[in-house]
Amino acid sequence: MNIAEKIKYVRKNLLGLSQEKFAAKLGVSPASIKNWEGSISTPTVDHLLMISLISSVSLQYLVFDNYPEEITANKLTDDDYTTIEAVINRFKIKNRGSNNEKR
């Protein structure tokens, strides 16, 4: 994905915002968002940093083509952590069992 596609992806899929609401959060016009997403213009470094901060994706993800999306855990609740930990432990147990069967 290029920077324009990533900005649109972040706005729609990660933040669930319209171009107008996204523009308001960044202090720019909706036309700026449309131009960024249409590859007509490129956001400034300051705007990229703001996008990174409000969406919890790295600046590297936004700037570099084919850079993997990072999953951050800074908005998870204690219950979310507990659920994730339980899933990880279940996979560890299951993995140990399948490794023993191969021996």
N, C-alpha and C. Protein backbone atom coordinates (compact mmCIF):
# COMPACT_ATOMS: atom_id res chain seq x y z
N MET A 1 0.84 -1.19 0.00
CA MET A 1 0.00 0.00 0.00
C MET A 1 0.88 1.24 0.00
N ASN A 2 0.43 2.24 -0.72
CA ASN A 2 1.15 3.52 -0.69
C ASN A 2 0.57 4.40 0.42
N ILE A 3 1.15 5.57 0.60
CA ILE A 3 0.75 6.44 1.72
C ILE A 3 -0.72 6.85 1.61
N ALA A 4 -1.19 7.12 0.40
CA ALA A 4 -2.59 7.53 0.21
C ALA A 4 -3.54 6.41 0.64
N GLU A 5 -3.23 5.19 0.23
CA GLU A 5 -4.07 4.04 0.59
C GLU A 5 -4.04 3.80 2.10
N LYS A 6 -2.87 3.99 2.70
CA LYS A 6 -2.75 3.77 4.14
C LYS A 6 -3.54 4.81 4.93
N ILE A 7 -3.50 6.06 4.49
CA ILE A 7 -4.27 7.11 5.18
C ILE A 7 -5.76 6.78 5.12
N LYS A 8 -6.22 6.37 3.95
CA LYS A 8 -7.64 6.01 3.81
C LYS A 8 -7.97 4.79 4.67
N TYR A 9 -7.09 3.81 4.67
CA TYR A 9 -7.30 2.60 5.49
C TYR A 9 -7.40 2.96 6.96
N VAL A 10 -6.46 3.77 7.44
CA VAL A 10 -6.44 4.18 8.84
C VAL A 10 -7.73 4.93 9.18
N ARG A 11 -8.10 5.88 8.33
CA ARG A 11 -9.29 6.69 8.59
C ARG A 11 -10.55 5.84 8.67
N LYS A 12 -10.73 4.98 7.66
CA LYS A 12 -11.97 4.20 7.57
C LYS A 12 -11.97 2.97 8.48
N ASN A 13 -10.92 2.18 8.40
CA ASN A 13 -10.92 0.87 9.06
C ASN A 13 -10.48 0.91 10.52
N LEU A 14 -9.52 1.74 10.84
CA LEU A 14 -9.04 1.78 12.21
C LEU A 14 -9.78 2.80 13.07
N LEU A 15 -10.09 3.95 12.46
CA LEU A 15 -10.74 5.00 13.23
C LEU A 15 -12.24 5.11 12.97
N GLY A 16 -12.70 4.59 11.83
CA GLY A 16 -14.12 4.64 11.50
C GLY A 16 -14.65 6.05 11.33
N LEU A 17 -13.84 6.91 10.73
CA LEU A 17 -14.22 8.32 10.59
C LEU A 17 -14.50 8.69 9.13
N SER A 18 -15.40 9.65 8.96
CA SER A 18 -15.61 10.24 7.64
C SER A 18 -14.44 11.17 7.35
N GLN A 19 -14.31 11.58 6.10
CA GLN A 19 -13.24 12.53 5.76
C GLN A 19 -13.41 13.83 6.55
N GLU A 20 -14.66 14.25 6.75
CA GLU A 20 -14.92 15.49 7.48
C GLU A 20 -14.48 15.40 8.94
N LYS A 21 -14.83 14.30 9.61
CA LYS A 21 -14.46 14.15 11.02
C LYS A 21 -12.95 13.95 11.18
N PHE A 22 -12.35 13.22 10.25
CA PHE A 22 -10.90 13.02 10.27
C PHE A 22 -10.19 14.36 10.09
N ALA A 23 -10.69 15.16 9.15
CA ALA A 23 -10.11 16.48 8.89
C ALA A 23 -10.20 17.36 10.13
N ALA A 24 -11.34 17.31 10.82
CA ALA A 24 -11.51 18.12 12.03
C ALA A 24 -10.52 17.72 13.11
N LYS A 25 -10.27 16.42 13.26
CA LYS A 25 -9.30 15.94 14.26
C LYS A 25 -7.90 16.43 13.95
N LEU A 26 -7.59 16.54 12.65
CA LEU A 26 -6.24 16.95 12.24
C LEU A 26 -6.10 18.45 12.03
N GLY A 27 -7.22 19.17 12.07
CA GLY A 27 -7.17 20.62 11.88
C GLY A 27 -6.91 21.02 10.43
N VAL A 28 -7.41 20.20 9.50
CA VAL A 28 -7.27 20.51 8.08
C VAL A 28 -8.65 20.48 7.43
N SER A 29 -8.72 20.85 6.17
CA SER A 29 -10.01 20.83 5.47
C SER A 29 -10.29 19.42 4.95
N PRO A 30 -11.57 19.09 4.76
CA PRO A 30 -11.90 17.80 4.15
C PRO A 30 -11.26 17.64 2.76
N ALA A 31 -11.07 18.76 2.07
CA ALA A 31 -10.42 18.71 0.75
C ALA A 31 -8.98 18.21 0.87
N SER A 32 -8.31 18.56 1.97
CA SER A 32 -6.94 18.07 2.19
C SER A 32 -6.94 16.55 2.32
N ILE A 33 -7.88 16.02 3.09
CA ILE A 33 -7.98 14.57 3.26
C ILE A 33 -8.24 13.91 1.91
N LYS A 34 -9.18 14.46 1.15
CA LYS A 34 -9.49 13.93 -0.18
C LYS A 34 -8.25 13.94 -1.07
N ASN A 35 -7.48 15.01 -1.03
CA ASN A 35 -6.26 15.11 -1.84
C ASN A 35 -5.20 14.11 -1.38
N TRP A 36 -5.05 13.93 -0.08
CA TRP A 36 -4.08 12.95 0.44
C TRP A 36 -4.47 11.55 0.00
N GLU A 37 -5.75 11.21 0.17
CA GLU A 37 -6.21 9.87 -0.16
C GLU A 37 -6.24 9.62 -1.67
N GLY A 38 -6.29 10.68 -2.44
CA GLY A 38 -6.29 10.56 -3.90
C GLY A 38 -4.92 10.71 -4.51
N SER A 39 -3.89 10.77 -3.69
CA SER A 39 -2.49 10.93 -4.13
C SER A 39 -2.27 12.22 -4.91
N ILE A 40 -3.09 13.23 -4.63
CA ILE A 40 -2.93 14.52 -5.30
C ILE A 40 -1.89 15.35 -4.55
N SER A 41 -1.90 15.23 -3.22
CA SER A 41 -0.90 15.89 -2.40
C SER A 41 -0.52 14.96 -1.26
N THR A 42 0.52 15.32 -0.54
CA THR A 42 1.02 14.50 0.55
C THR A 42 0.96 15.31 1.84
N PRO A 43 0.54 14.70 2.93
CA PRO A 43 0.51 15.44 4.21
C PRO A 43 1.91 15.81 4.67
N THR A 44 1.97 16.86 5.47
CA THR A 44 3.25 17.26 6.05
C THR A 44 3.67 16.23 7.09
N VAL A 45 4.90 16.30 7.50
CA VAL A 45 5.40 15.40 8.54
C VAL A 45 4.60 15.60 9.82
N ASP A 46 4.25 16.85 10.12
CA ASP A 46 3.44 17.12 11.31
C ASP A 46 2.09 16.40 11.24
N HIS A 47 1.46 16.44 10.07
CA HIS A 47 0.17 15.77 9.92
C HIS A 47 0.32 14.25 9.98
N LEU A 48 1.39 13.73 9.40
CA LEU A 48 1.63 12.29 9.50
C LEU A 48 1.83 11.87 10.95
N LEU A 49 2.53 12.69 11.70
CA LEU A 49 2.74 12.40 13.12
C LEU A 49 1.40 12.41 13.86
N MET A 50 0.56 13.38 13.55
CA MET A 50 -0.77 13.44 14.19
C MET A 50 -1.60 12.20 13.84
N ILE A 51 -1.56 11.79 12.57
CA ILE A 51 -2.28 10.58 12.16
C ILE A 51 -1.77 9.38 12.93
N SER A 52 -0.45 9.29 13.05
CA SER A 52 0.17 8.20 13.78
C SER A 52 -0.30 8.18 15.24
N LEU A 53 -0.32 9.32 15.86
CA LEU A 53 -0.69 9.39 17.28
C LEU A 53 -2.16 9.07 17.52
N ILE A 54 -3.05 9.58 16.68
CA ILE A 54 -4.48 9.33 16.94
C ILE A 54 -4.92 7.93 16.52
N SER A 55 -4.13 7.28 15.66
CA SER A 55 -4.53 5.96 15.18
C SER A 55 -3.71 4.82 15.78
N SER A 56 -2.67 5.15 16.51
CA SER A 56 -1.77 4.15 17.11
C SER A 56 -1.06 3.28 16.08
N VAL A 57 -0.79 3.83 14.90
CA VAL A 57 0.08 3.14 13.94
C VAL A 57 1.39 3.90 13.89
N SER A 58 2.44 3.22 13.51
CA SER A 58 3.75 3.87 13.50
C SER A 58 3.90 4.80 12.30
N LEU A 59 4.78 5.75 12.46
CA LEU A 59 5.11 6.65 11.36
C LEU A 59 5.72 5.85 10.21
N GLN A 60 6.51 4.84 10.54
CA GLN A 60 7.13 4.00 9.51
C GLN A 60 6.06 3.31 8.68
N TYR A 61 5.01 2.82 9.33
CA TYR A 61 3.93 2.16 8.59
C TYR A 61 3.31 3.13 7.58
N LEU A 62 3.09 4.37 7.99
CA LEU A 62 2.47 5.34 7.10
C LEU A 62 3.38 5.72 5.93
N VAL A 63 4.65 5.85 6.18
CA VAL A 63 5.58 6.40 5.19
C VAL A 63 6.13 5.37 4.22
N PHE A 64 6.47 4.19 4.70
CA PHE A 64 7.15 3.22 3.84
C PHE A 64 6.18 2.24 3.21
N ASP A 65 6.29 2.08 1.89
CA ASP A 65 5.48 1.08 1.19
C ASP A 65 5.83 -0.30 1.71
N ASN A 66 4.84 -1.15 1.80
CA ASN A 66 5.00 -2.55 2.21
C ASN A 66 5.54 -2.72 3.63
N TYR A 67 5.45 -1.69 4.44
CA TYR A 67 5.84 -1.81 5.85
C TYR A 67 4.66 -2.44 6.58
N PRO A 68 4.88 -3.48 7.36
CA PRO A 68 3.74 -4.17 7.99
C PRO A 68 3.01 -3.29 9.00
N GLU A 69 1.72 -3.47 9.05
CA GLU A 69 0.92 -2.76 10.04
C GLU A 69 1.26 -3.30 11.41
N GLU A 70 1.45 -2.40 12.34
CA GLU A 70 1.77 -2.80 13.70
C GLU A 70 0.49 -2.82 14.52
N ILE A 71 0.38 -3.80 15.35
CA ILE A 71 -0.74 -3.87 16.26
C ILE A 71 -0.26 -3.38 17.62
N THR A 72 -0.92 -2.38 18.14
CA THR A 72 -0.52 -1.86 19.44
C THR A 72 -1.55 -2.26 20.48
N ALA A 73 -1.11 -2.25 21.70
CA ALA A 73 -1.99 -2.69 22.78
C ALA A 73 -2.28 -1.57 23.77
N ASN A 74 -2.10 -0.34 23.35
CA ASN A 74 -2.27 0.75 24.31
C ASN A 74 -3.72 1.13 24.58
N LYS A 75 -4.68 0.53 23.88
CA LYS A 75 -6.08 0.84 24.14
C LYS A 75 -6.85 -0.37 24.66
N LEU A 76 -6.12 -1.40 25.09
CA LEU A 76 -6.77 -2.60 25.59
C LEU A 76 -7.13 -2.44 27.06
N THR A 77 -8.25 -3.03 27.42
CA THR A 77 -8.66 -3.04 28.83
C THR A 77 -8.00 -4.22 29.54
N ASP A 78 -8.14 -4.26 30.85
CA ASP A 78 -7.62 -5.39 31.62
C ASP A 78 -8.28 -6.69 31.17
N ASP A 79 -9.58 -6.64 30.87
CA ASP A 79 -10.28 -7.83 30.38
C ASP A 79 -9.72 -8.30 29.04
N ASP A 80 -9.38 -7.33 28.17
CA ASP A 80 -8.78 -7.68 26.88
C ASP A 80 -7.46 -8.40 27.08
N TYR A 81 -6.63 -7.87 27.97
CA TYR A 81 -5.34 -8.51 28.27
C TYR A 81 -5.54 -9.93 28.79
N THR A 82 -6.51 -10.10 29.69
CA THR A 82 -6.79 -11.42 30.26
C THR A 82 -7.22 -12.39 29.16
N THR A 83 -8.07 -11.94 28.26
CA THR A 83 -8.53 -12.79 27.16
C THR A 83 -7.36 -13.17 26.25
N ILE A 84 -6.55 -12.20 25.90
CA ILE A 84 -5.39 -12.47 25.03
C ILE A 84 -4.43 -13.44 25.69
N GLU A 85 -4.18 -13.24 26.97
CA GLU A 85 -3.30 -14.13 27.71
C GLU A 85 -3.84 -15.56 27.72
N ALA A 86 -5.15 -15.69 27.91
CA ALA A 86 -5.78 -17.02 27.92
C ALA A 86 -5.64 -17.70 26.56
N VAL A 87 -5.83 -16.96 25.50
CA VAL A 87 -5.69 -17.51 24.15
C VAL A 87 -4.26 -17.96 23.90
N ILE A 88 -3.30 -17.13 24.29
CA ILE A 88 -1.88 -17.47 24.10
C ILE A 88 -1.54 -18.74 24.89
N ASN A 89 -1.99 -18.80 26.13
CA ASN A 89 -1.71 -19.99 26.94
C ASN A 89 -2.34 -21.23 26.35
N ARG A 90 -3.54 -21.11 25.82
CA ARG A 90 -4.21 -22.25 25.18
C ARG A 90 -3.40 -22.75 23.99
N PHE A 91 -2.90 -21.82 23.18
CA PHE A 91 -2.08 -22.22 22.04
C PHE A 91 -0.77 -22.86 22.48
N LYS A 92 -0.19 -22.34 23.56
CA LYS A 92 1.04 -22.95 24.08
C LYS A 92 0.80 -24.39 24.50
N ILE A 93 -0.30 -24.62 25.22
CA ILE A 93 -0.64 -25.97 25.67
C ILE A 93 -0.91 -26.87 24.48
N LYS A 94 -1.68 -26.39 23.54
CA LYS A 94 -2.00 -27.18 22.35
C LYS A 94 -0.74 -27.48 21.55
N ASN A 95 0.14 -26.50 21.45
CA ASN A 95 1.39 -26.67 20.70
C ASN A 95 2.29 -27.71 21.38
N ARG A 96 2.35 -27.69 22.71
CA ARG A 96 3.14 -28.68 23.44
C ARG A 96 2.62 -30.08 23.17
N GLY A 97 1.29 -30.23 23.13
CA GLY A 97 0.69 -31.53 22.87
C GLY A 97 1.00 -32.03 21.48
N SER A 98 0.96 -31.16 20.48
CA SER A 98 1.24 -31.60 19.11
C SER A 98 2.72 -31.90 18.93
N ASN A 99 3.58 -31.20 19.67
CA ASN A 99 5.02 -31.50 19.59
C ASN A 99 5.32 -32.86 20.20
N ASN A 100 4.61 -33.21 21.28
CA ASN A 100 4.81 -34.52 21.93
C ASN A 100 4.33 -35.66 21.02
N GLU A 101 3.27 -35.41 20.25
CA GLU A 101 2.76 -36.44 19.35
C GLU A 101 3.72 -36.74 18.21
N LYS A 102 4.54 -35.77 17.83
CA LYS A 102 5.49 -35.95 16.73
C LYS A 102 6.69 -36.77 17.14
N ARG A 103 6.94 -36.88 18.41
CA ARG A 103 8.14 -37.60 18.89
C ARG A 103 7.98 -39.05 18.84
